[in-house]
C-alpha atoms as a PDB file:
ATOM      1  CA  MET A   1      80.385  54.439  88.797  1.00  0.00           C
ATOM      2  CA  THR A   2      81.859  53.790  85.382  1.00  0.00           C
ATOM      3  CA  PRO A   3      85.387  52.540  84.763  1.00  0.00           C
ATOM      4  CA  GLU A   4      86.210  55.884  83.161  1.00  0.00           C
ATOM      5  CA  SER A   5      85.207  57.796  86.289  1.00  0.00           C
ATOM      6  CA  VAL A   6      87.299  55.460  88.453  1.00  0.00           C
ATOM      7  CA  LEU A   7      90.314  56.055  86.210  1.00  0.00           C
ATOM      8  CA  THR A   8      89.686  59.798  86.269  1.00  0.00           C
ATOM      9  CA  PHE A   9      89.512  59.753  90.049  1.00  0.00           C
ATOM     10  CA  GLY A  10      92.698  57.681  90.261  1.00  0.00           C
ATOM     11  CA  ARG A  11      94.517  60.007  87.904  1.00  0.00           C
ATOM     12  CA  SER A  12      93.354  63.019  89.903  1.00  0.00           C
ATOM     13  CA  ALA A  13      94.605  61.387  93.109  1.00  0.00           C
ATOM     14  CA  MET A  14      98.016  60.645  91.567  1.00  0.00           C
ATOM     15  CA  GLU A  15      98.335  64.190  90.239  1.00  0.00           C
ATOM     16  CA  MET A  16      97.502  65.552  93.691  1.00  0.00           C
ATOM     17  CA  LEU A  17     100.058  63.230  95.280  1.00  0.00           C
ATOM     18  CA  VAL A  18     102.811  64.384  92.935  1.00  0.00           C
ATOM     19  CA  THR A  19     101.858  68.046  93.328  1.00  0.00           C
ATOM     20  CA  VAL A  20     101.892  67.929  97.126  1.00  0.00           C
ATOM     21  CA  CYS A  21     105.041  65.815  97.487  1.00  0.00           C
ATOM     22  CA  ALA A  22     107.150  67.502  94.812  1.00  0.00           C
ATOM     23  CA  PRO A  23     108.413  70.534  96.790  1.00  0.00           C
ATOM     24  CA  VAL A  24     109.603  68.453  99.744  1.00  0.00           C
ATOM     25  CA  LEU A  25     111.172  65.760  97.589  1.00  0.00           C
ATOM     26  CA  LEU A  26     112.941  68.245  95.332  1.00  0.00           C
ATOM     27  CA  VAL A  27     114.402  70.150  98.276  1.00  0.00           C
ATOM     28  CA  ALA A  28     115.616  66.914  99.886  1.00  0.00           C
ATOM     29  CA  LEU A  29     117.136  65.843  96.571  1.00  0.00           C
ATOM     30  CA  VAL A  30     118.966  69.131  96.001  1.00  0.00           C
ATOM     31  CA  VAL A  31     120.252  69.361  99.573  1.00  0.00           C
ATOM     32  CA  GLY A  32     121.343  65.718  99.532  1.00  0.00           C
ATOM     33  CA  LEU A  33     123.177  66.248  96.261  1.00  0.00           C
ATOM     34  CA  ALA A  34     124.891  69.376  97.578  1.00  0.00           C
ATOM     35  CA  VAL A  35     125.975  67.653 100.801  1.00  0.00           C
ATOM     36  CA  SER A  36     127.220  64.616  98.863  1.00  0.00           C
ATOM     37  CA  LEU A  37     129.212  66.863  96.575  1.00  0.00           C
ATOM     38  CA  LEU A  38     130.676  68.678  99.581  1.00  0.00           C
ATOM     39  CA  GLN A  39     131.581  65.359 101.184  1.00  0.00           C
ATOM     40  CA  ALA A  40     133.246  64.169  97.989  1.00  0.00           C
ATOM     41  CA  VAL A  41     135.262  67.364  97.626  1.00  0.00           C
ATOM     42  CA  THR A  42     136.400  67.483 101.253  1.00  0.00           C
ATOM     43  CA  GLN A  43     136.655  63.679 101.651  1.00  0.00           C
ATOM     44  CA  ILE A  44     134.575  63.771 104.814  1.00  0.00           C
ATOM     45  CA  ASN A  45     132.746  60.445 104.906  1.00  0.00           C
ATOM     46  CA  GLU A  46     130.402  60.974 107.818  1.00  0.00           C
ATOM     47  CA  ALA A  47     126.992  59.356 107.367  1.00  0.00           C
ATOM     48  CA  THR A  48     125.234  61.623 109.844  1.00  0.00           C
ATOM     49  CA  LEU A  49     126.491  64.777 108.108  1.00  0.00           C
ATOM     50  CA  SER A  50     123.976  64.421 105.285  1.00  0.00           C
ATOM     51  CA  PHE A  51     121.042  63.757 107.607  1.00  0.00           C
ATOM     52  CA  LEU A  52     120.851  67.048 109.529  1.00  0.00           C
ATOM     53  CA  PRO A  53     120.933  69.466 106.557  1.00  0.00           C
ATOM     54  CA  LYS A  54     118.262  67.427 104.755  1.00  0.00           C
ATOM     55  CA  LEU A  55     116.113  67.329 107.873  1.00  0.00           C
ATOM     56  CA  LEU A  56     116.382  71.079 108.392  1.00  0.00           C
ATOM     57  CA  ALA A  57     115.704  71.796 104.710  1.00  0.00           C
ATOM     58  CA  VAL A  58     112.642  69.537 104.664  1.00  0.00           C
ATOM     59  CA  LEU A  59     111.306  71.121 107.861  1.00  0.00           C
ATOM     60  CA  ALA A  60     111.831  74.596 106.406  1.00  0.00           C
ATOM     61  CA  THR A  61     110.081  73.553 103.207  1.00  0.00           C
ATOM     62  CA  LEU A  62     107.152  72.151 105.170  1.00  0.00           C
ATOM     63  CA  GLY A  63     106.987  75.378 107.155  1.00  0.00           C
ATOM     64  CA  ILE A  64     106.970  77.505 104.020  1.00  0.00           C
ATOM     65  CA  ALA A  65     104.896  75.327 101.675  1.00  0.00           C
ATOM     66  CA  GLY A  66     102.785  73.610 104.337  1.00  0.00           C
ATOM     67  CA  PRO A  67      99.839  76.031 104.239  1.00  0.00           C
ATOM     68  CA  TRP A  68      99.736  75.824 100.446  1.00  0.00           C
ATOM     69  CA  MET A  69      99.870  72.032 100.587  1.00  0.00           C
ATOM     70  CA  MET A  70      97.074  71.866 103.166  1.00  0.00           C
ATOM     71  CA  THR A  71      94.893  74.249 101.169  1.00  0.00           C
ATOM     72  CA  LEU A  72      95.415  72.167  98.054  1.00  0.00           C
ATOM     73  CA  LEU A  73      94.563  68.922  99.865  1.00  0.00           C
ATOM     74  CA  VAL A  74      91.506  70.351 101.625  1.00  0.00           C
ATOM     75  CA  ASP A  75      90.138  71.744  98.348  1.00  0.00           C
ATOM     76  CA  TRP A  76      90.703  68.415  96.596  1.00  0.00           C
ATOM     77  CA  ILE A  77      89.104  66.401  99.402  1.00  0.00           C
ATOM     78  CA  ARG A  78      86.141  68.796  99.451  1.00  0.00           C
ATOM     79  CA  GLN A  79      85.749  68.329  95.697  1.00  0.00           C
ATOM     80  CA  VAL A  80      85.896  64.541  96.039  1.00  0.00           C
ATOM     81  CA  ILE A  81      83.344  64.466  98.857  1.00  0.00           C
ATOM     82  CA  LEU A  82      80.968  66.766  96.979  1.00  0.00           C
ATOM     83  CA  SER A  83      81.234  64.601  93.862  1.00  0.00           C
ATOM     84  CA  ILE A  84      80.153  61.407  95.684  1.00  0.00           C
ATOM     85  CA  PRO A  85      76.379  61.900  95.242  1.00  0.00           C
ATOM     86  CA  GLY A  86      76.791  62.470  91.516  1.00  0.00           C
ATOM     87  CA  SER A  87      78.918  59.396  90.999  1.00  0.00           C
ATOM     88  CA  VAL A  88      76.799  56.998  93.071  1.00  0.00           C
ATOM     89  CA  GLY A  89      73.412  57.755  91.593  1.00  0.00           C
END
């Protein structure tokens, strides 16, 4: 295995990580920002108020995007496993 192939594999893994995590993180960010803005406008400073909407939004996102995320991960893992014989020999 050459250093270039290791770097290519690492880059591929990082790209997959960002691709799979992005929908959930973006939804949590947007919902957290919206709840924080609502709290600032209404002056309600309850720490638990921001937790439940984010939790529900993340669960909904996982329910909607979960099959896509799993398909993407399974295809990538299959590709990695099938490329092992070519990179070892």
